C-alpha atoms as a PDB file:
ATOM      1  CA  MET A   1      -3.600  -2.332 -11.393  1.00  0.00           C
ATOM      2  CA  ASN A   2      -6.575  -2.508 -13.823  1.00  0.00           C
ATOM      3  CA  LYS A   3      -8.985  -2.226 -10.895  1.00  0.00           C
ATOM      4  CA  LYS A   4      -7.290   1.004  -9.726  1.00  0.00           C
ATOM      5  CA  PHE A   5      -7.470   2.507 -13.239  1.00  0.00           C
ATOM      6  CA  GLY A   6     -11.149   1.547 -13.465  1.00  0.00           C
ATOM      7  CA  ILE A   7     -11.940   3.245 -10.151  1.00  0.00           C
ATOM      8  CA  ILE A   8      -9.946   6.345 -11.167  1.00  0.00           C
ATOM      9  CA  ALA A   9     -11.770   6.436 -14.536  1.00  0.00           C
ATOM     10  CA  ILE A  10     -15.159   6.188 -12.806  1.00  0.00           C
ATOM     11  CA  ILE A  11     -14.224   8.973 -10.364  1.00  0.00           C
ATOM     12  CA  LEU A  12     -12.990  11.216 -13.204  1.00  0.00           C
ATOM     13  CA  CYS A  13     -16.149  10.573 -15.264  1.00  0.00           C
ATOM     14  CA  GLY A  14     -18.311  11.361 -12.248  1.00  0.00           C
ATOM     15  CA  MET A  15     -16.408  14.579 -11.606  1.00  0.00           C
ATOM     16  CA  SER A  16     -16.691  15.568 -15.281  1.00  0.00           C
ATOM     17  CA  LEU A  17     -20.429  14.925 -15.197  1.00  0.00           C
ATOM     18  CA  LEU A  18     -20.797  16.974 -12.006  1.00  0.00           C
ATOM     19  CA  ILE A  19     -18.792  19.881 -13.485  1.00  0.00           C
ATOM     20  CA  SER A  20     -20.946  19.751 -16.652  1.00  0.00           C
ATOM     21  CA  ILE A  21     -24.158  19.841 -14.624  1.00  0.00           C
ATOM     22  CA  ILE A  22     -22.923  22.782 -12.517  1.00  0.00           C
ATOM     23  CA  THR A  23     -21.792  24.680 -15.619  1.00  0.00           C
ATOM     24  CA  MET A  24     -25.116  24.091 -17.407  1.00  0.00           C
ATOM     25  CA  THR A  25     -27.037  25.210 -14.319  1.00  0.00           C
ATOM     26  CA  ILE A  26     -25.020  28.435 -14.127  1.00  0.00           C
ATOM     27  CA  VAL A  27     -25.597  29.129 -17.838  1.00  0.00           C
ATOM     28  CA  LEU A  28     -29.356  28.512 -17.554  1.00  0.00           C
ATOM     29  CA  VAL A  29     -29.679  30.705 -14.455  1.00  0.00           C
ATOM     30  CA  ASN A  30     -27.814  33.538 -16.190  1.00  0.00           C
ATOM     31  CA  MET A  31     -30.007  33.198 -19.299  1.00  0.00           C
ATOM     32  CA  ASN A  32     -33.175  33.342 -17.191  1.00  0.00           C
ATOM     33  CA  ASN A  33     -31.893  36.336 -15.228  1.00  0.00           C
ATOM     34  CA  ALA A  34     -31.119  38.171 -18.471  1.00  0.00           C
ATOM     35  CA  LYS A  35     -34.552  37.265 -19.857  1.00  0.00           C
ATOM     36  CA  ASP A  36     -36.343  38.310 -16.646  1.00  0.00           C
ATOM     37  CA  ALA A  37     -34.463  41.604 -16.512  1.00  0.00           C
ATOM     38  CA  GLY A  38     -36.887  42.870 -19.139  1.00  0.00           C
ATOM     39  CA  ASP A  39     -36.636  46.165 -20.882  1.00  0.00           C
ATOM     40  CA  ILE A  40     -36.917  49.732 -19.732  1.00  0.00           C
ATOM     41  CA  GLN A  41     -39.770  51.841 -21.048  1.00  0.00           C
ATOM     42  CA  TYR A  42     -39.209  55.560 -20.729  1.00  0.00           C
ATOM     43  CA  VAL A  43     -42.210  57.832 -20.284  1.00  0.00           C
ATOM     44  CA  LEU A  44     -41.632  61.545 -20.867  1.00  0.00           C
ATOM     45  CA  TYR A  45     -43.948  64.281 -19.647  1.00  0.00           C
ATOM     46  CA  VAL A  46     -43.334  67.334 -21.801  1.00  0.00           C
ATOM     47  CA  GLY A  47     -45.051  70.537 -20.785  1.00  0.00           C
ATOM     48  CA  THR A  48     -45.880  73.012 -23.522  1.00  0.00           C
ATOM     49  CA  ASN A  49     -46.080  76.255 -21.547  1.00  0.00           C
ATOM     50  CA  ASP A  50     -43.064  78.550 -21.703  1.00  0.00           C
ATOM     51  CA  LYS A  51     -41.013  78.267 -18.490  1.00  0.00           C
ATOM     52  CA  ASP A  52     -40.808  82.068 -18.115  1.00  0.00           C
ATOM     53  CA  THR A  53     -44.156  83.374 -19.324  1.00  0.00           C
ATOM     54  CA  ASN A  54     -46.263  80.288 -18.498  1.00  0.00           C
ATOM     55  CA  LEU A  55     -48.062  80.774 -21.815  1.00  0.00           C
ATOM     56  CA  PRO A  56     -48.310  78.038 -24.457  1.00  0.00           C
ATOM     57  CA  VAL A  57     -45.288  77.986 -26.768  1.00  0.00           C
ATOM     58  CA  PHE A  58     -47.422  76.524 -29.616  1.00  0.00           C
ATOM     59  CA  ASP A  59     -51.046  75.596 -30.080  1.00  0.00           C
ATOM     60  CA  GLU A  60     -51.849  71.942 -29.266  1.00  0.00           C
ATOM     61  CA  GLU A  61     -51.629  70.592 -32.829  1.00  0.00           C
ATOM     62  CA  THR A  62     -48.356  72.399 -33.541  1.00  0.00           C
ATOM     63  CA  SER A  63     -46.963  71.131 -30.212  1.00  0.00           C
ATOM     64  CA  LYS A  64     -47.634  67.534 -31.258  1.00  0.00           C
ATOM     65  CA  GLU A  65     -46.127  68.082 -34.705  1.00  0.00           C
ATOM     66  CA  GLU A  66     -42.967  69.685 -33.299  1.00  0.00           C
ATOM     67  CA  ALA A  67     -42.526  66.830 -30.808  1.00  0.00           C
ATOM     68  CA  LYS A  68     -43.084  64.242 -33.574  1.00  0.00           C
ATOM     69  CA  LYS A  69     -40.288  65.777 -35.660  1.00  0.00           C
ATOM     70  CA  ILE A  70     -37.834  65.528 -32.775  1.00  0.00           C
ATOM     71  CA  LEU A  71     -38.880  61.971 -31.918  1.00  0.00           C
ATOM     72  CA  ILE A  72     -38.617  60.799 -35.538  1.00  0.00           C
ATOM     73  CA  ASP A  73     -35.128  62.310 -35.752  1.00  0.00           C
ATOM     74  CA  HIS A  74     -33.968  60.641 -32.526  1.00  0.00           C
ATOM     75  CA  PHE A  75     -35.845  57.322 -32.511  1.00  0.00           C
ATOM     76  CA  GLY A  76     -37.416  56.780 -35.916  1.00  0.00           C
ATOM     77  CA  GLY A  77     -40.873  56.663 -34.344  1.00  0.00           C
ATOM     78  CA  TYR A  78     -43.035  57.746 -31.446  1.00  0.00           C
ATOM     79  CA  THR A  79     -46.088  57.112 -29.298  1.00  0.00           C
ATOM     80  CA  ILE A  80     -47.672  60.267 -27.942  1.00  0.00           C
ATOM     81  CA  GLN A  81     -50.669  60.761 -25.691  1.00  0.00           C
ATOM     82  CA  GLU A  82     -52.167  64.067 -24.698  1.00  0.00           C
ATOM     83  CA  ALA A  83     -52.706  65.120 -21.092  1.00  0.00           C
ATOM     84  CA  ASN A  84     -53.814  68.216 -19.251  1.00  0.00           C
ATOM     85  CA  GLY A  85     -51.943  69.206 -16.130  1.00  0.00           C
ATOM     86  CA  GLY A  86     -52.394  71.894 -13.573  1.00  0.00           C
ATOM     87  CA  TRP A  87     -50.894  73.302 -10.428  1.00  0.00           C
ATOM     88  CA  LYS A  88     -51.458  76.101  -7.970  1.00  0.00           C
ATOM     89  CA  ASP A  89     -48.851  78.750  -7.225  1.00  0.00           C
ATOM     90  CA  GLY A  90     -50.084  80.981  -4.448  1.00  0.00           C
ATOM     91  CA  THR A  91     -53.600  81.943  -5.479  1.00  0.00           C
ATOM     92  CA  ILE A  92     -53.066  81.389  -9.213  1.00  0.00           C
ATOM     93  CA  VAL A  93     -54.050  78.077 -10.808  1.00  0.00           C
ATOM     94  CA  TYR A  94     -52.069  77.245 -13.937  1.00  0.00           C
ATOM     95  CA  LYS A  95     -53.119  74.783 -16.619  1.00  0.00           C
ATOM     96  CA  GLU A  96     -50.842  73.182 -19.153  1.00  0.00           C
ATOM     97  CA  TYR A  97     -51.293  71.000 -22.205  1.00  0.00           C
ATOM     98  CA  THR A  98     -48.799  68.155 -21.785  1.00  0.00           C
ATOM     99  CA  LEU A  99     -47.442  65.556 -24.182  1.00  0.00           C
ATOM    100  CA  VAL A 100     -46.875  62.084 -22.721  1.00  0.00           C
ATOM    101  CA  ILE A 101     -44.332  60.193 -24.807  1.00  0.00           C
ATOM    102  CA  TYR A 102     -43.613  56.466 -24.525  1.00  0.00           C
ATOM    103  CA  LEU A 103     -40.225  55.142 -25.651  1.00  0.00           C
ATOM    104  CA  SER A 104     -38.994  51.548 -25.734  1.00  0.00           C
ATOM    105  CA  ASP A 105     -35.972  49.813 -27.185  1.00  0.00           C
ATOM    106  CA  THR A 106     -33.652  52.734 -26.409  1.00  0.00           C
ATOM    107  CA  THR A 107     -31.160  53.916 -23.807  1.00  0.00           C
ATOM    108  CA  ILE A 108     -31.285  56.668 -21.221  1.00  0.00           C
ATOM    109  CA  ASP A 109     -28.481  58.472 -23.076  1.00  0.00           C
ATOM    110  CA  GLU A 110     -30.592  58.581 -26.251  1.00  0.00           C
ATOM    111  CA  VAL A 111     -33.586  59.740 -24.198  1.00  0.00           C
ATOM    112  CA  HIS A 112     -31.505  62.544 -22.676  1.00  0.00           C
ATOM    113  CA  LEU A 113     -30.431  63.725 -26.145  1.00  0.00           C
ATOM    114  CA  ALA A 114     -34.063  63.882 -27.276  1.00  0.00           C
ATOM    115  CA  CYS A 115     -35.078  65.638 -24.043  1.00  0.00           C
ATOM    116  CA  LYS A 116     -32.423  68.268 -24.640  1.00  0.00           C
ATOM    117  CA  ALA A 117     -34.013  69.031 -28.033  1.00  0.00           C
ATOM    118  CA  LEU A 118     -37.533  69.005 -26.526  1.00  0.00           C
ATOM    119  CA  ILE A 119     -36.468  71.347 -23.706  1.00  0.00           C
ATOM    120  CA  GLU A 120     -35.093  73.817 -26.247  1.00  0.00           C
ATOM    121  CA  LYS A 121     -38.086  73.559 -28.603  1.00  0.00           C
ATOM    122  CA  PHE A 122     -40.706  73.989 -25.851  1.00  0.00           C
ATOM    123  CA  HIS A 123     -38.627  76.381 -23.700  1.00  0.00           C
ATOM    124  CA  GLN A 124     -38.857  74.147 -20.613  1.00  0.00           C
ATOM    125  CA  SER A 125     -36.750  74.060 -17.479  1.00  0.00           C
ATOM    126  CA  SER A 126     -36.998  70.243 -17.328  1.00  0.00           C
ATOM    127  CA  ILE A 127     -38.854  67.177 -18.569  1.00  0.00           C
ATOM    128  CA  LEU A 128     -40.105  64.460 -16.240  1.00  0.00           C
ATOM    129  CA  ILE A 129     -38.711  61.049 -17.241  1.00  0.00           C
ATOM    130  CA  GLN A 130     -40.105  57.857 -15.737  1.00  0.00           C
ATOM    131  CA  SER A 131     -38.230  54.583 -16.190  1.00  0.00           C
ATOM    132  CA  ASN A 132     -40.412  51.491 -15.950  1.00  0.00           C
ATOM    133  CA  LYS A 133     -39.313  47.856 -16.130  1.00  0.00           C
ATOM    134  CA  THR A 134     -41.343  46.164 -18.831  1.00  0.00           C
ATOM    135  CA  ARG A 135     -41.276  43.295 -21.249  1.00  0.00           C
ATOM    136  CA  THR A 136     -41.215  44.430 -24.843  1.00  0.00           C
ATOM    137  CA  GLU A 137     -42.131  42.198 -27.735  1.00  0.00           C
ATOM    138  CA  PHE A 138     -42.759  43.114 -31.339  1.00  0.00           C
ATOM    139  CA  TYR A 139     -45.251  40.357 -32.170  1.00  0.00           C
ATOM    140  CA  ALA A 140     -45.589  39.621 -35.863  1.00  0.00           C
ATOM    141  CA  GLY A 141     -48.108  36.811 -35.857  1.00  0.00           C
END
């Protein structure tokens, strides 16, 4: 009888060890997948010409300041770059001062709320939003 209990104990220990190894493997794989998923960086392209008149809504400096106010209110910070865009409609070539805004550590819902305010402020029909997978790290030394 002792021999049977010994064999059963060995089998149960082996099964417990196998279950532990499988569980740990699943946990590690899920942690790595979550880590590799990265973050989403949103890049907004905000035109500054009025959607109806195609004339600038504000001068360039005022455009930046108005966008900064909205971004501070919605995100507490901002990164803005300036760009110059252009397109041809028929025989007319239009040029537009554009603000390129980079946002990290946020959600698409928060981005949409800010875009709604930017659309109203700059009298736009839409804002181009790019979503890019990135890795974000706030390195402090």
